Amino acid sequence: MTNWDNSLSRDYFAEFSGRGVIIAGGAAGIGAALADAFAWLGAKVAVIDLNESAAAVSIAADLTDEKSRAPAIAEACAKIGAPVAFISTLGFDNRLGFDLTQEQAEHLMRVNFFAPVFAARDVMPAMRKGGGGAVCLFTSRHGSEIFEPDMTGYGCAKAALDSGIKRLAVKAGQDNTPDNIIRVFGFCPGWVQSDSQKARFGAQQFDDAAKEQLVPVGMQPADIVPAIIFGLSRHSRLLSGATLRFDAGEGQIRKSAVTDGSKKAS
């Protein structure tokens, strides 16, 4: 387990100690870093992923499958109790443009839209019964501002997710009371150097991307974890229906090494 002393305060985030946290897609990368950080804070963490996780509660399930999704969430809630936080880092892109097949497009929608939105929807009854909580779904700049043709399927699915986040937030808000609040927000990171991204792109491409950011440093999974936890905590109790941008200012420029890198790698 990582020592998070330099970036997370157990006292400041004491609300998570002994409480349930579910992470969809937490077996590796950003999700695994979040699982580690929440465990360090004393939370009861359940990870739902296609692959086995190092988390104390690891549930192997395909959240794109409607028949598997609800049982997996029910199992997680049974093992850790009513969750106060649900995070989905689910995402997949295969650099397909307008020549993608309908089957390929449907798969991208299942992974990037259906799985996170419906999983969050299925978590909410247990969260409500437990007194409320917060939901964070990972979106992407490719759904809102980077419209390169070779990311058509992925980008359209993430655009749908942006809309789904707002609708989930409104639905939750209709049932909120001052003593039982469920918040839903999106988290849009920059180009995070996760293991999966390092397997696809070279160090020079990451360096080029960092130089074009307003904050010219590479982004690691551990860099974004504290911001996500802050958003899920009661310190962000007025955050709902919006998406947090955490991209080192990359979204403020016209040209992106991320875009160029993806085209070179395709």
Protein backbone atom coordinates (compact mmCIF):
# COMPACT_ATOMS: atom_id res chain seq x y z
CA MET A 1 0.00 0.00 0.00
CA THR A 2 1.26 3.48 -0.90
CA ASN A 3 2.03 5.97 1.85
CA TRP A 4 -0.33 8.85 1.05
CA ASP A 5 0.88 11.07 3.90
CA ASN A 6 2.10 13.80 1.56
CA SER A 7 -1.22 14.23 -0.27
CA LEU A 8 -4.06 12.90 1.88
CA SER A 9 -5.01 13.64 5.48
CA ARG A 10 -6.76 10.88 7.39
CA ASP A 11 -8.25 13.49 9.70
CA TYR A 12 -9.55 15.67 6.88
CA PHE A 13 -11.15 12.68 5.16
CA ALA A 14 -12.16 10.83 8.32
CA GLU A 15 -15.71 10.41 6.95
CA PHE A 16 -14.50 7.51 4.78
CA SER A 17 -13.04 5.48 7.65
CA GLY A 18 -15.05 2.30 8.10
CA ARG A 19 -17.43 3.25 5.27
CA GLY A 20 -18.06 1.47 2.00
CA VAL A 21 -16.53 2.59 -1.31
CA ILE A 22 -17.15 0.82 -4.64
CA ILE A 23 -14.78 1.29 -7.56
CA ALA A 24 -15.75 0.03 -11.01
CA GLY A 25 -12.63 -0.64 -13.03
CA GLY A 26 -10.29 -0.61 -10.05
CA ALA A 27 -8.01 -3.51 -10.84
CA ALA A 28 -5.33 -1.37 -12.48
CA GLY A 29 -4.28 2.18 -13.30
CA ILE A 30 -6.23 5.09 -11.83
CA GLY A 31 -8.83 2.80 -10.29
CA ALA A 32 -6.19 0.78 -8.47
CA ALA A 33 -4.58 3.96 -7.15
CA LEU A 34 -7.98 5.10 -5.86
CA ALA A 35 -8.61 1.73 -4.22
CA ASP A 36 -5.23 1.94 -2.50
CA ALA A 37 -5.84 5.50 -1.30
CA PHE A 38 -9.31 4.79 0.07
CA ALA A 39 -8.00 1.70 1.87
CA TRP A 40 -5.24 3.87 3.36
CA LEU A 41 -7.97 6.22 4.62
CA GLY A 42 -9.62 3.27 6.33
CA ALA A 43 -12.52 2.74 3.93
CA LYS A 44 -14.02 -0.65 3.13
CA VAL A 45 -13.21 -0.91 -0.57
CA ALA A 46 -14.87 -3.18 -3.09
CA VAL A 47 -13.50 -3.32 -6.64
CA ILE A 48 -15.62 -4.58 -9.51
CA ASP A 49 -13.57 -5.39 -12.58
CA LEU A 50 -13.15 -8.00 -15.27
CA ASN A 51 -9.80 -8.82 -13.64
CA GLU A 52 -8.91 -9.70 -10.08
CA SER A 53 -7.90 -6.79 -7.86
CA ALA A 54 -5.58 -6.41 -4.90
CA ALA A 55 -8.46 -4.90 -2.93
CA ALA A 56 -9.77 -6.78 0.10
CA VAL A 57 -13.10 -7.22 -1.69
CA SER A 58 -12.54 -8.04 -5.35
CA ILE A 59 -15.51 -8.97 -7.53
CA ALA A 60 -14.85 -10.23 -11.05
CA ALA A 61 -17.75 -9.11 -13.22
CA ASP A 62 -18.52 -7.56 -16.59
CA LEU A 63 -20.49 -4.41 -15.88
CA THR A 64 -21.44 -4.09 -19.53
CA ASP A 65 -23.55 -7.24 -19.09
CA GLU A 66 -26.97 -6.37 -17.68
CA LYS A 67 -27.33 -9.82 -16.11
CA SER A 68 -23.99 -9.52 -14.27
CA ARG A 69 -24.15 -5.88 -13.23
CA ALA A 70 -26.89 -5.86 -10.58
CA PRO A 71 -25.67 -9.06 -8.83
CA ALA A 72 -22.11 -7.70 -8.70
CA ILE A 73 -23.25 -4.45 -7.12
CA ALA A 74 -25.49 -6.31 -4.68
CA GLU A 75 -22.56 -8.52 -3.68
CA ALA A 76 -20.33 -5.49 -3.14
CA CYS A 77 -22.93 -3.79 -0.95
CA ALA A 78 -23.46 -6.97 1.05
CA LYS A 79 -19.74 -7.22 1.78
CA ILE A 80 -18.89 -3.60 2.58
CA GLY A 81 -22.25 -2.13 3.58
CA ALA A 82 -24.10 0.79 2.02
CA PRO A 83 -21.53 2.73 -0.03
CA VAL A 84 -20.86 6.41 0.59
CA ALA A 85 -18.92 6.63 -2.67
CA PHE A 86 -19.11 5.02 -6.09
CA ILE A 87 -16.44 5.68 -8.70
CA SER A 88 -16.29 4.42 -12.27
CA THR A 89 -12.99 4.68 -14.13
CA LEU A 90 -14.35 2.46 -16.89
CA GLY A 91 -13.21 3.44 -20.35
CA PHE A 92 -12.01 1.90 -23.58
CA ASP A 93 -10.99 3.33 -26.93
CA ASN A 94 -9.64 1.57 -29.97
CA ARG A 95 -8.86 4.49 -32.28
CA LEU A 96 -11.71 3.72 -34.67
CA GLY A 97 -13.11 6.44 -36.90
CA PHE A 98 -16.21 6.65 -39.05
CA ASP A 99 -15.37 3.31 -40.67
CA LEU A 100 -16.19 1.45 -37.46
CA THR A 101 -18.94 -1.14 -37.59
CA GLN A 102 -22.19 -0.88 -35.68
CA GLU A 103 -21.07 -3.77 -33.50
CA GLN A 104 -17.87 -1.92 -32.62
CA ALA A 105 -19.80 1.25 -31.86
CA GLU A 106 -22.22 -0.65 -29.63
CA HIS A 107 -19.32 -2.18 -27.70
CA LEU A 108 -17.84 1.26 -27.09
CA MET A 109 -21.22 2.49 -25.87
CA ARG A 110 -21.55 -0.48 -23.51
CA VAL A 111 -18.15 0.15 -21.92
CA ASN A 112 -18.07 3.94 -21.88
CA PHE A 113 -21.73 4.81 -21.32
CA PHE A 114 -24.07 1.96 -20.35
CA ALA A 115 -21.77 0.33 -17.77
CA PRO A 116 -20.91 3.43 -15.69
CA VAL A 117 -24.36 5.07 -15.89
CA PHE A 118 -26.40 1.96 -15.16
CA ALA A 119 -23.99 0.78 -12.46
CA ALA A 120 -24.31 4.17 -10.74
CA ARG A 121 -28.08 3.96 -11.05
CA ASP A 122 -28.06 0.49 -9.49
CA VAL A 123 -25.85 1.65 -6.59
CA MET A 124 -28.07 4.59 -5.66
CA PRO A 125 -30.82 2.72 -3.76
CA ALA A 126 -28.29 1.23 -1.32
CA MET A 127 -26.50 4.58 -1.07
CA ARG A 128 -29.81 6.32 -0.32
CA LYS A 129 -30.73 3.73 2.29
CA GLY A 130 -27.38 4.28 3.96
CA GLY A 131 -27.89 8.03 4.25
CA GLY A 132 -26.46 9.37 1.00
CA GLY A 133 -23.11 9.67 -0.70
CA ALA A 134 -21.42 10.73 -3.93
CA VAL A 135 -20.90 9.28 -7.40
CA CYS A 136 -17.95 10.10 -9.67
CA LEU A 137 -17.87 8.94 -13.29
CA PHE A 138 -14.80 9.41 -15.49
CA THR A 139 -15.50 11.22 -18.72
CA SER A 140 -13.14 12.49 -21.42
CA ARG A 141 -12.23 15.58 -23.41
CA HIS A 142 -12.90 13.46 -26.51
CA GLY A 143 -16.58 13.65 -25.68
CA SER A 144 -16.73 17.42 -25.36
CA GLU A 145 -13.93 19.26 -27.13
CA ILE A 146 -11.52 17.04 -29.08
CA PHE A 147 -13.33 15.85 -32.20
CA GLU A 148 -10.68 13.93 -34.12
CA PRO A 149 -12.26 11.42 -36.55
CA ASP A 150 -10.22 8.45 -35.33
CA MET A 151 -11.93 8.59 -31.93
CA THR A 152 -15.50 8.69 -33.22
CA GLY A 153 -16.95 5.74 -31.33
CA TYR A 154 -15.19 6.53 -28.07
CA GLY A 155 -15.91 10.25 -28.25
CA CYS A 156 -19.61 9.79 -28.98
CA ALA A 157 -19.93 7.34 -26.07
CA LYS A 158 -18.21 9.77 -23.69
CA ALA A 159 -20.47 12.58 -24.92
CA ALA A 160 -23.44 10.42 -23.98
CA LEU A 161 -21.83 9.86 -20.58
CA ASP A 162 -21.57 13.64 -20.06
CA SER A 163 -25.32 13.87 -20.57
CA GLY A 164 -25.94 10.83 -18.39
CA ILE A 165 -24.01 12.38 -15.50
CA LYS A 166 -26.26 15.44 -15.51
CA ARG A 167 -29.42 13.35 -15.69
CA LEU A 168 -28.31 11.09 -12.85
CA ALA A 169 -27.55 14.18 -10.78
CA VAL A 170 -31.01 15.60 -11.44
CA LYS A 171 -32.66 12.27 -10.62
CA ALA A 172 -30.75 12.03 -7.34
CA GLY A 173 -31.51 15.64 -6.53
CA GLN A 174 -35.25 15.07 -6.81
CA ASP A 175 -35.07 12.75 -3.81
CA ASN A 176 -32.49 14.65 -1.79
CA THR A 177 -33.19 16.06 1.64
CA PRO A 178 -30.78 18.08 3.82
CA ASP A 179 -30.00 14.92 5.77
CA ASN A 180 -29.79 12.49 2.84
CA ILE A 181 -27.96 13.79 -0.21
CA ILE A 182 -26.63 11.93 -3.23
CA ARG A 183 -24.36 13.93 -5.53
CA VAL A 184 -23.25 12.93 -9.03
CA PHE A 185 -20.36 14.54 -10.85
CA GLY A 186 -17.94 13.83 -13.67
CA PHE A 187 -14.16 13.85 -13.61
CA CYS A 188 -12.28 14.72 -16.79
CA PRO A 189 -8.53 14.11 -16.52
CA GLY A 190 -5.78 14.93 -18.96
CA TRP A 191 -3.45 12.34 -20.41
CA VAL A 192 -2.69 10.22 -17.35
CA GLN A 193 0.37 8.00 -17.65
CA SER A 194 -1.30 4.80 -16.53
CA ASP A 195 0.20 1.39 -17.27
CA SER A 196 -2.26 0.84 -20.12
CA GLN A 197 -1.28 4.15 -21.75
CA LYS A 198 2.43 3.46 -21.27
CA ALA A 199 1.94 0.19 -23.12
CA ARG A 200 0.55 2.07 -26.13
CA PHE A 201 2.65 5.24 -26.25
CA GLY A 202 6.29 6.14 -25.87
CA ALA A 203 8.01 8.32 -23.30
CA GLN A 204 8.73 10.99 -25.93
CA GLN A 205 5.03 11.39 -26.67
CA PHE A 206 4.28 11.89 -22.98
CA ASP A 207 7.09 14.45 -22.75
CA ASP A 208 5.77 16.32 -25.80
CA ALA A 209 2.28 16.40 -24.32
CA ALA A 210 3.56 17.74 -21.00
CA LYS A 211 5.47 20.57 -22.71
CA GLU A 212 2.26 21.78 -24.37
CA GLN A 213 0.31 21.95 -21.10
CA LEU A 214 0.00 25.12 -19.05
CA VAL A 215 1.48 23.06 -16.19
CA PRO A 216 4.33 21.31 -18.04
CA VAL A 217 4.63 18.10 -16.02
CA GLY A 218 3.53 14.54 -16.74
CA MET A 219 0.35 13.38 -15.05
CA GLN A 220 0.52 10.21 -12.94
CA PRO A 221 -2.43 8.32 -11.38
CA ALA A 222 -1.39 9.44 -7.89
CA ASP A 223 -1.57 13.09 -9.02
CA ILE A 224 -5.31 13.02 -9.57
CA VAL A 225 -6.41 10.79 -6.69
CA PRO A 226 -6.60 13.56 -4.02
CA ALA A 227 -8.81 15.72 -6.26
CA ILE A 228 -11.26 12.86 -6.83
CA ILE A 229 -11.43 12.04 -3.12
CA PHE A 230 -12.00 15.71 -2.32
CA GLY A 231 -14.87 15.78 -4.81
CA LEU A 232 -16.43 12.71 -3.21
CA SER A 233 -16.07 14.07 0.31
CA ARG A 234 -18.43 16.29 2.25
CA HIS A 235 -15.99 19.14 1.72
CA SER A 236 -17.46 19.30 -1.81
CA ARG A 237 -21.06 19.02 -0.67
CA LEU A 238 -22.28 21.57 -3.24
CA LEU A 239 -20.73 19.76 -6.22
CA SER A 240 -23.31 17.93 -8.34
CA GLY A 241 -24.23 17.80 -12.01
CA ALA A 242 -20.89 19.27 -13.10
CA THR A 243 -17.61 17.84 -14.37
CA LEU A 244 -14.26 18.60 -12.76
CA ARG A 245 -11.46 19.38 -15.24
CA PHE A 246 -8.05 18.18 -14.15
CA ASP A 247 -5.86 18.34 -17.25
CA ALA A 248 -2.91 20.62 -16.36
CA GLY A 249 -4.41 23.26 -18.64
CA GLU A 250 -4.08 21.10 -21.76
CA GLY A 251 -7.67 21.90 -22.69
CA GLN A 252 -6.81 25.59 -23.11
CA ILE A 253 -4.61 25.08 -26.16
CA ARG A 254 -5.47 24.40 -29.78
CA LYS A 255 -2.87 21.79 -30.63
CA SER A 256 -2.34 18.69 -28.57
CA ALA A 257 0.45 16.14 -28.46
CA VAL A 258 -2.17 13.74 -27.17
CA THR A 259 -4.06 14.06 -30.45
CA ASP A 260 -0.89 13.83 -32.53
CA GLY A 261 0.33 10.89 -30.50
CA SER A 262 -2.90 8.95 -30.96
CA LYS A 263 -2.73 9.41 -34.72
CA LYS A 264 0.90 8.28 -34.89
CA ALA A 265 0.09 5.19 -32.84
CA SER A 266 -2.98 4.18 -34.84
